[in-house]
Amino acid sequence: MPRTILVIDDEPELVKLLDYNLSKAGYLVISAKDGEAGLAAARKHAPDAIILDIMMPGLDGWEVCKRLRQDPATAALPLLMLTAKGEEGDRVLGLELGADDYLTKPFGVRELVARVKALLRRLEAASASPEVLKTGKLVIDSSRRTVSAGGKPVALTATEFNLLKALAEKEGRVISREDLLSLARGDDVAVMDRTVDVHVAALRKKLGKHGEMIETVRGVGYRLKE
């Protein structure tokens, strides 16, 4: 079965272009022309990844992203946001809301396909091992891609899960921001300190009091307490 990609965008020509190129790369593409339809399609089809445009009438991409992450059924779906704005503040907002990656318009279609492939590769790599990591009150199940803290399930995005897994695998050791982002999102992304910090802040918040296990090593990166 080919991997399914959901494209949520109100530009017919762009959707047609993405459909052609993603299909050519071996993916099954479904699309939705607005936010409400996109949310319904995500719940109905459970795609392997979502490409989401920000500037849409009605529900914009920010709100759609927020609702996807609030719904346990769609919270962990890999999500790539498309934005016509290149300012760091817009990128950071997308990450804070739970996007795993972002691409600024205009973009090359080959780059977008490469980003999608990278998202899915990381998902497959993290799910390949049946190993269950336990540290303190945290339980990280790689095969099911689930996390529990103090016995309670925690809904994480794909990048947040990969970050926590990377920290747990190197428990007690400091991981630089660059290495941590590479482990979580691959070598094919631009590294910004702010990008890593935003993901870690969201991860800590979701883990509640157990988020204190993630220590900041000033000027270097992060580590998970032993």
C-alpha atoms as a PDB file:
ATOM      1  CA  MET A   1       0.000   0.000   0.000  1.00  0.00           C
ATOM      2  CA  PRO A   2       1.406   3.411  -0.949  1.00  0.00           C
ATOM      3  CA  ARG A   3       1.762   6.050   1.715  1.00  0.00           C
ATOM      4  CA  THR A   4      -1.108   8.569   1.755  1.00  0.00           C
ATOM      5  CA  ILE A   5      -0.462  12.314   1.748  1.00  0.00           C
ATOM      6  CA  LEU A   6      -3.243  14.783   2.551  1.00  0.00           C
ATOM      7  CA  VAL A   7      -2.837  18.203   0.912  1.00  0.00           C
ATOM      8  CA  ILE A   8      -4.921  20.997   2.475  1.00  0.00           C
ATOM      9  CA  ASP A   9      -4.749  24.059   0.210  1.00  0.00           C
ATOM     10  CA  ASP A  10      -7.224  26.350  -1.535  1.00  0.00           C
ATOM     11  CA  GLU A  11      -5.092  26.895  -4.670  1.00  0.00           C
ATOM     12  CA  PRO A  12      -6.295  24.368  -7.304  1.00  0.00           C
ATOM     13  CA  GLU A  13      -3.226  24.757  -9.503  1.00  0.00           C
ATOM     14  CA  LEU A  14      -0.827  24.159  -6.629  1.00  0.00           C
ATOM     15  CA  VAL A  15      -2.824  21.139  -5.449  1.00  0.00           C
ATOM     16  CA  LYS A  16      -2.740  19.758  -8.997  1.00  0.00           C
ATOM     17  CA  LEU A  17       1.041  20.290  -9.159  1.00  0.00           C
ATOM     18  CA  LEU A  18       1.624  18.583  -5.811  1.00  0.00           C
ATOM     19  CA  ASP A  19      -0.721  15.742  -6.734  1.00  0.00           C
ATOM     20  CA  TYR A  20       1.210  15.080  -9.941  1.00  0.00           C
ATOM     21  CA  ASN A  21       4.664  15.157  -8.356  1.00  0.00           C
ATOM     22  CA  LEU A  22       3.808  13.260  -5.170  1.00  0.00           C
ATOM     23  CA  SER A  23       1.943  10.619  -7.182  1.00  0.00           C
ATOM     24  CA  LYS A  24       4.969  10.325  -9.450  1.00  0.00           C
ATOM     25  CA  ALA A  25       7.065   9.722  -6.311  1.00  0.00           C
ATOM     26  CA  GLY A  26       4.800   6.816  -5.391  1.00  0.00           C
ATOM     27  CA  TYR A  27       2.388   8.399  -2.929  1.00  0.00           C
ATOM     28  CA  LEU A  28      -1.397   8.347  -2.889  1.00  0.00           C
ATOM     29  CA  VAL A  29      -2.619  11.954  -2.709  1.00  0.00           C
ATOM     30  CA  ILE A  30      -5.922  13.176  -1.316  1.00  0.00           C
ATOM     31  CA  SER A  31      -6.803  16.845  -1.038  1.00  0.00           C
ATOM     32  CA  ALA A  32      -9.078  19.293   0.729  1.00  0.00           C
ATOM     33  CA  LYS A  33      -9.738  22.871  -0.399  1.00  0.00           C
ATOM     34  CA  ASP A  34     -10.316  24.443   3.021  1.00  0.00           C
ATOM     35  CA  GLY A  35      -9.643  23.959   6.711  1.00  0.00           C
ATOM     36  CA  GLU A  36     -12.914  22.329   7.689  1.00  0.00           C
ATOM     37  CA  ALA A  37     -12.694  19.820   4.833  1.00  0.00           C
ATOM     38  CA  GLY A  38      -9.070  19.186   5.735  1.00  0.00           C
ATOM     39  CA  LEU A  39      -9.887  18.328   9.347  1.00  0.00           C
ATOM     40  CA  ALA A  40     -12.652  15.970   8.210  1.00  0.00           C
ATOM     41  CA  ALA A  41     -10.329  14.282   5.689  1.00  0.00           C
ATOM     42  CA  ALA A  42      -7.586  13.839   8.296  1.00  0.00           C
ATOM     43  CA  ARG A  43      -9.989  12.083  10.666  1.00  0.00           C
ATOM     44  CA  LYS A  44     -11.585   9.959   7.927  1.00  0.00           C
ATOM     45  CA  HIS A  45      -8.492   8.834   5.998  1.00  0.00           C
ATOM     46  CA  ALA A  46      -5.767   8.860   8.708  1.00  0.00           C
ATOM     47  CA  PRO A  47      -3.075   9.911   6.184  1.00  0.00           C
ATOM     48  CA  ASP A  48       0.615   9.169   6.705  1.00  0.00           C
ATOM     49  CA  ALA A  49       1.491  12.865   6.422  1.00  0.00           C
ATOM     50  CA  ILE A  50      -0.199  16.232   5.889  1.00  0.00           C
ATOM     51  CA  ILE A  51       0.824  19.239   3.794  1.00  0.00           C
ATOM     52  CA  LEU A  52      -1.004  22.286   5.131  1.00  0.00           C
ATOM     53  CA  ASP A  53      -1.183  25.789   3.685  1.00  0.00           C
ATOM     54  CA  ILE A  54      -1.482  28.668   6.138  1.00  0.00           C
ATOM     55  CA  MET A  55      -3.348  31.298   4.117  1.00  0.00           C
ATOM     56  CA  MET A  56      -6.827  29.886   3.478  1.00  0.00           C
ATOM     57  CA  PRO A  57     -10.325  31.367   3.775  1.00  0.00           C
ATOM     58  CA  GLY A  58     -12.377  30.396   6.804  1.00  0.00           C
ATOM     59  CA  LEU A  59     -10.186  28.275   9.062  1.00  0.00           C
ATOM     60  CA  ASP A  60      -6.583  29.232   8.321  1.00  0.00           C
ATOM     61  CA  GLY A  61      -3.643  26.866   8.606  1.00  0.00           C
ATOM     62  CA  TRP A  62      -2.756  28.024  12.117  1.00  0.00           C
ATOM     63  CA  GLU A  63      -6.156  26.987  13.451  1.00  0.00           C
ATOM     64  CA  VAL A  64      -6.207  23.734  11.481  1.00  0.00           C
ATOM     65  CA  CYS A  65      -2.781  22.814  12.854  1.00  0.00           C
ATOM     66  CA  LYS A  66      -3.913  23.612  16.388  1.00  0.00           C
ATOM     67  CA  ARG A  67      -7.031  21.444  16.066  1.00  0.00           C
ATOM     68  CA  LEU A  68      -5.107  18.558  14.506  1.00  0.00           C
ATOM     69  CA  ARG A  69      -2.743  18.544  17.459  1.00  0.00           C
ATOM     70  CA  GLN A  70      -5.570  18.712  19.993  1.00  0.00           C
ATOM     71  CA  ASP A  71      -7.284  15.641  18.535  1.00  0.00           C
ATOM     72  CA  PRO A  72      -5.695  12.350  19.781  1.00  0.00           C
ATOM     73  CA  ALA A  73      -6.570  10.709  16.445  1.00  0.00           C
ATOM     74  CA  THR A  74      -4.435  13.197  14.469  1.00  0.00           C
ATOM     75  CA  ALA A  75      -2.006  14.554  17.084  1.00  0.00           C
ATOM     76  CA  ALA A  76       1.003  12.518  15.931  1.00  0.00           C
ATOM     77  CA  LEU A  77       0.573  12.857  12.151  1.00  0.00           C
ATOM     78  CA  PRO A  78       3.700  14.320  10.473  1.00  0.00           C
ATOM     79  CA  LEU A  79       2.791  17.823   9.300  1.00  0.00           C
ATOM     80  CA  LEU A  80       4.528  20.120   6.842  1.00  0.00           C
ATOM     81  CA  MET A  81       3.261  23.714   6.720  1.00  0.00           C
ATOM     82  CA  LEU A  82       3.391  25.929   3.638  1.00  0.00           C
ATOM     83  CA  THR A  83       3.677  29.659   4.174  1.00  0.00           C
ATOM     84  CA  ALA A  84       4.085  32.673   1.920  1.00  0.00           C
ATOM     85  CA  LYS A  85       5.815  34.456   4.781  1.00  0.00           C
ATOM     86  CA  GLY A  86       9.476  33.909   5.516  1.00  0.00           C
ATOM     87  CA  GLU A  87       9.828  35.773   8.797  1.00  0.00           C
ATOM     88  CA  GLU A  88      11.207  33.759  11.710  1.00  0.00           C
ATOM     89  CA  GLY A  89       8.192  34.695  13.844  1.00  0.00           C
ATOM     90  CA  ASP A  90       5.819  32.933  11.453  1.00  0.00           C
ATOM     91  CA  ARG A  91       7.998  29.832  11.357  1.00  0.00           C
ATOM     92  CA  VAL A  92       8.251  29.763  15.132  1.00  0.00           C
ATOM     93  CA  LEU A  93       4.481  30.093  15.494  1.00  0.00           C
ATOM     94  CA  GLY A  94       4.010  27.088  13.223  1.00  0.00           C
ATOM     95  CA  LEU A  95       6.420  25.050  15.314  1.00  0.00           C
ATOM     96  CA  GLU A  96       4.767  26.152  18.545  1.00  0.00           C
ATOM     97  CA  LEU A  97       1.418  24.975  17.219  1.00  0.00           C
ATOM     98  CA  GLY A  98       2.899  21.576  16.403  1.00  0.00           C
ATOM     99  CA  ALA A  99       4.189  21.611  12.806  1.00  0.00           C
ATOM    100  CA  ASP A 100       7.077  19.213  12.181  1.00  0.00           C
ATOM    101  CA  ASP A 101       8.518  21.154   9.259  1.00  0.00           C
ATOM    102  CA  TYR A 102       7.778  24.224   7.142  1.00  0.00           C
ATOM    103  CA  LEU A 103       8.453  25.434   3.620  1.00  0.00           C
ATOM    104  CA  THR A 104       8.249  29.022   2.398  1.00  0.00           C
ATOM    105  CA  LYS A 105       6.549  29.861  -0.901  1.00  0.00           C
ATOM    106  CA  PRO A 106       7.694  29.961  -3.623  1.00  0.00           C
ATOM    107  CA  PHE A 107       9.410  26.607  -3.249  1.00  0.00           C
ATOM    108  CA  GLY A 108      10.810  23.951  -5.535  1.00  0.00           C
ATOM    109  CA  VAL A 109       8.565  20.927  -5.915  1.00  0.00           C
ATOM    110  CA  ARG A 110      11.588  18.612  -5.689  1.00  0.00           C
ATOM    111  CA  GLU A 111      12.437  20.110  -2.305  1.00  0.00           C
ATOM    112  CA  LEU A 112       8.883  19.597  -1.069  1.00  0.00           C
ATOM    113  CA  VAL A 113       8.889  15.952  -2.155  1.00  0.00           C
ATOM    114  CA  ALA A 114      12.270  15.511  -0.442  1.00  0.00           C
ATOM    115  CA  ARG A 115      10.884  17.032   2.770  1.00  0.00           C
ATOM    116  CA  VAL A 116       7.903  14.671   2.690  1.00  0.00           C
ATOM    117  CA  LYS A 117      10.185  11.681   2.125  1.00  0.00           C
ATOM    118  CA  ALA A 118      12.365  12.781   5.042  1.00  0.00           C
ATOM    119  CA  LEU A 119       9.354  13.097   7.345  1.00  0.00           C
ATOM    120  CA  LEU A 120       8.203   9.591   6.477  1.00  0.00           C
ATOM    121  CA  ARG A 121      11.717   8.108   6.718  1.00  0.00           C
ATOM    122  CA  ARG A 122      12.064   9.414  10.258  1.00  0.00           C
ATOM    123  CA  LEU A 123       8.661   8.040  11.124  1.00  0.00           C
ATOM    124  CA  GLU A 124       9.627   4.612   9.794  1.00  0.00           C
ATOM    125  CA  ALA A 125      13.035   4.656  11.489  1.00  0.00           C
ATOM    126  CA  ALA A 126      11.566   5.556  14.865  1.00  0.00           C
ATOM    127  CA  SER A 127       8.902   2.857  14.519  1.00  0.00           C
ATOM    128  CA  ALA A 128      11.239   0.117  13.284  1.00  0.00           C
ATOM    129  CA  SER A 129      12.483  -0.926  16.711  1.00  0.00           C
ATOM    130  CA  PRO A 130      10.120  -2.717  19.109  1.00  0.00           C
ATOM    131  CA  GLU A 131      12.235  -1.437  21.989  1.00  0.00           C
ATOM    132  CA  VAL A 132      10.427   0.159  24.893  1.00  0.00           C
ATOM    133  CA  LEU A 133      12.526   2.782  26.642  1.00  0.00           C
ATOM    134  CA  LYS A 134      11.842   3.426  30.320  1.00  0.00           C
ATOM    135  CA  THR A 135      13.407   6.245  32.265  1.00  0.00           C
ATOM    136  CA  GLY A 136      11.991   7.509  35.523  1.00  0.00           C
ATOM    137  CA  LYS A 137       8.242   7.749  35.065  1.00  0.00           C
ATOM    138  CA  LEU A 138       8.521   7.972  31.274  1.00  0.00           C
ATOM    139  CA  VAL A 139       7.762   5.016  28.995  1.00  0.00           C
ATOM    140  CA  ILE A 140       8.551   5.413  25.290  1.00  0.00           C
ATOM    141  CA  ASP A 141       7.252   2.692  22.967  1.00  0.00           C
ATOM    142  CA  SER A 142       8.944   3.003  19.570  1.00  0.00           C
ATOM    143  CA  SER A 143       6.833   0.405  17.785  1.00  0.00           C
ATOM    144  CA  ARG A 144       3.542   1.988  18.801  1.00  0.00           C
ATOM    145  CA  ARG A 145       4.972   5.531  18.888  1.00  0.00           C
ATOM    146  CA  THR A 146       3.337   6.129  22.245  1.00  0.00           C
ATOM    147  CA  VAL A 147       4.567   7.871  25.371  1.00  0.00           C
ATOM    148  CA  SER A 148       3.269   7.756  28.913  1.00  0.00           C
ATOM    149  CA  ALA A 149       4.353   9.894  31.841  1.00  0.00           C
ATOM    150  CA  GLY A 150       3.482   8.730  35.319  1.00  0.00           C
ATOM    151  CA  GLY A 151       1.199   6.108  33.808  1.00  0.00           C
ATOM    152  CA  LYS A 152      -0.787   8.647  31.757  1.00  0.00           C
ATOM    153  CA  PRO A 153      -0.622   8.762  27.933  1.00  0.00           C
ATOM    154  CA  VAL A 154       0.910  11.871  26.393  1.00  0.00           C
ATOM    155  CA  ALA A 155       0.008  12.920  22.831  1.00  0.00           C
ATOM    156  CA  LEU A 156       3.139  14.120  21.012  1.00  0.00           C
ATOM    157  CA  THR A 157       3.810  15.304  17.485  1.00  0.00           C
ATOM    158  CA  ALA A 158       6.177  13.244  15.326  1.00  0.00           C
ATOM    159  CA  THR A 159       9.079  15.623  15.986  1.00  0.00           C
ATOM    160  CA  GLU A 160       8.401  15.812  19.731  1.00  0.00           C
ATOM    161  CA  PHE A 161       8.347  12.017  19.945  1.00  0.00           C
ATOM    162  CA  ASN A 162      11.643  11.772  18.056  1.00  0.00           C
ATOM    163  CA  LEU A 163      13.228  14.426  20.293  1.00  0.00           C
ATOM    164  CA  LEU A 164      12.225  12.617  23.472  1.00  0.00           C
ATOM    165  CA  LYS A 165      13.360   9.262  22.096  1.00  0.00           C
ATOM    166  CA  ALA A 166      16.744  10.738  21.120  1.00  0.00           C
ATOM    167  CA  LEU A 167      17.208  12.210  24.602  1.00  0.00           C
ATOM    168  CA  ALA A 168      16.157   8.946  26.272  1.00  0.00           C
ATOM    169  CA  GLU A 169      18.540   6.896  24.136  1.00  0.00           C
ATOM    170  CA  LYS A 170      21.415   9.106  25.298  1.00  0.00           C
ATOM    171  CA  GLU A 171      20.134   9.495  28.852  1.00  0.00           C
ATOM    172  CA  GLY A 172      22.439  11.572  31.021  1.00  0.00           C
ATOM    173  CA  ARG A 173      24.520  12.796  28.080  1.00  0.00           C
ATOM    174  CA  VAL A 174      24.368  16.302  26.650  1.00  0.00           C
ATOM    175  CA  ILE A 175      23.149  16.568  23.052  1.00  0.00           C
ATOM    176  CA  SER A 176      23.837  19.776  21.136  1.00  0.00           C
ATOM    177  CA  ARG A 177      20.952  21.602  19.516  1.00  0.00           C
ATOM    178  CA  GLU A 178      22.321  20.744  16.071  1.00  0.00           C
ATOM    179  CA  ASP A 179      22.661  17.038  16.841  1.00  0.00           C
ATOM    180  CA  LEU A 180      19.301  16.894  18.578  1.00  0.00           C
ATOM    181  CA  LEU A 181      17.469  18.440  15.628  1.00  0.00           C
ATOM    182  CA  SER A 182      19.333  16.167  13.230  1.00  0.00           C
ATOM    183  CA  LEU A 183      18.283  13.106  15.242  1.00  0.00           C
ATOM    184  CA  ALA A 184      14.677  14.290  15.346  1.00  0.00           C
ATOM    185  CA  ARG A 185      14.224  15.765  11.884  1.00  0.00           C
ATOM    186  CA  GLY A 186      17.174  14.596   9.762  1.00  0.00           C
ATOM    187  CA  ASP A 187      20.189  16.320   8.235  1.00  0.00           C
ATOM    188  CA  ASP A 188      18.185  17.954   5.451  1.00  0.00           C
ATOM    189  CA  VAL A 189      16.705  20.787   7.516  1.00  0.00           C
ATOM    190  CA  ALA A 190      18.060  24.214   8.360  1.00  0.00           C
ATOM    191  CA  VAL A 191      19.083  24.392  12.010  1.00  0.00           C
ATOM    192  CA  MET A 192      17.972  27.335  14.112  1.00  0.00           C
ATOM    193  CA  ASP A 193      18.483  27.370  17.884  1.00  0.00           C
ATOM    194  CA  ARG A 194      15.002  28.790  18.185  1.00  0.00           C
ATOM    195  CA  THR A 195      13.550  25.819  16.283  1.00  0.00           C
ATOM    196  CA  VAL A 196      14.946  23.325  18.793  1.00  0.00           C
ATOM    197  CA  ASP A 197      13.983  25.455  21.790  1.00  0.00           C
ATOM    198  CA  VAL A 198      10.369  25.747  20.617  1.00  0.00           C
ATOM    199  CA  HIS A 199      10.019  21.973  20.207  1.00  0.00           C
ATOM    200  CA  VAL A 200      11.624  21.286  23.598  1.00  0.00           C
ATOM    201  CA  ALA A 201       9.416  23.868  25.316  1.00  0.00           C
ATOM    202  CA  ALA A 202       6.303  22.208  23.853  1.00  0.00           C
ATOM    203  CA  LEU A 203       7.581  18.784  24.886  1.00  0.00           C
ATOM    204  CA  ARG A 204       8.214  19.896  28.462  1.00  0.00           C
ATOM    205  CA  LYS A 205       4.754  21.419  28.690  1.00  0.00           C
ATOM    206  CA  LYS A 206       3.054  18.234  27.511  1.00  0.00           C
ATOM    207  CA  LEU A 207       5.044  16.090  29.939  1.00  0.00           C
ATOM    208  CA  GLY A 208       3.894  18.259  32.860  1.00  0.00           C
ATOM    209  CA  LYS A 209       6.010  17.852  35.988  1.00  0.00           C
ATOM    210  CA  HIS A 210       7.960  15.102  34.238  1.00  0.00           C
ATOM    211  CA  GLY A 211       9.184  17.688  31.741  1.00  0.00           C
ATOM    212  CA  GLU A 212      11.660  18.788  34.417  1.00  0.00           C
ATOM    213  CA  MET A 213      13.689  15.721  33.451  1.00  0.00           C
ATOM    214  CA  ILE A 214      14.799  17.589  30.319  1.00  0.00           C
ATOM    215  CA  GLU A 215      17.652  19.843  31.430  1.00  0.00           C
ATOM    216  CA  THR A 216      18.998  22.823  29.517  1.00  0.00           C
ATOM    217  CA  VAL A 217      22.785  22.932  29.324  1.00  0.00           C
ATOM    218  CA  ARG A 218      23.409  26.597  28.676  1.00  0.00           C
ATOM    219  CA  GLY A 219      25.249  27.331  25.451  1.00  0.00           C
ATOM    220  CA  VAL A 220      25.319  23.677  24.431  1.00  0.00           C
ATOM    221  CA  GLY A 221      21.982  21.875  24.252  1.00  0.00           C
ATOM    222  CA  TYR A 222      19.879  19.488  26.326  1.00  0.00           C
ATOM    223  CA  ARG A 223      20.045  16.231  28.253  1.00  0.00           C
ATOM    224  CA  LEU A 224      17.616  13.904  29.980  1.00  0.00           C
ATOM    225  CA  LYS A 225      18.319  13.379  33.674  1.00  0.00           C
ATOM    226  CA  GLU A 226      19.357   9.875  34.649  1.00  0.00           C
END
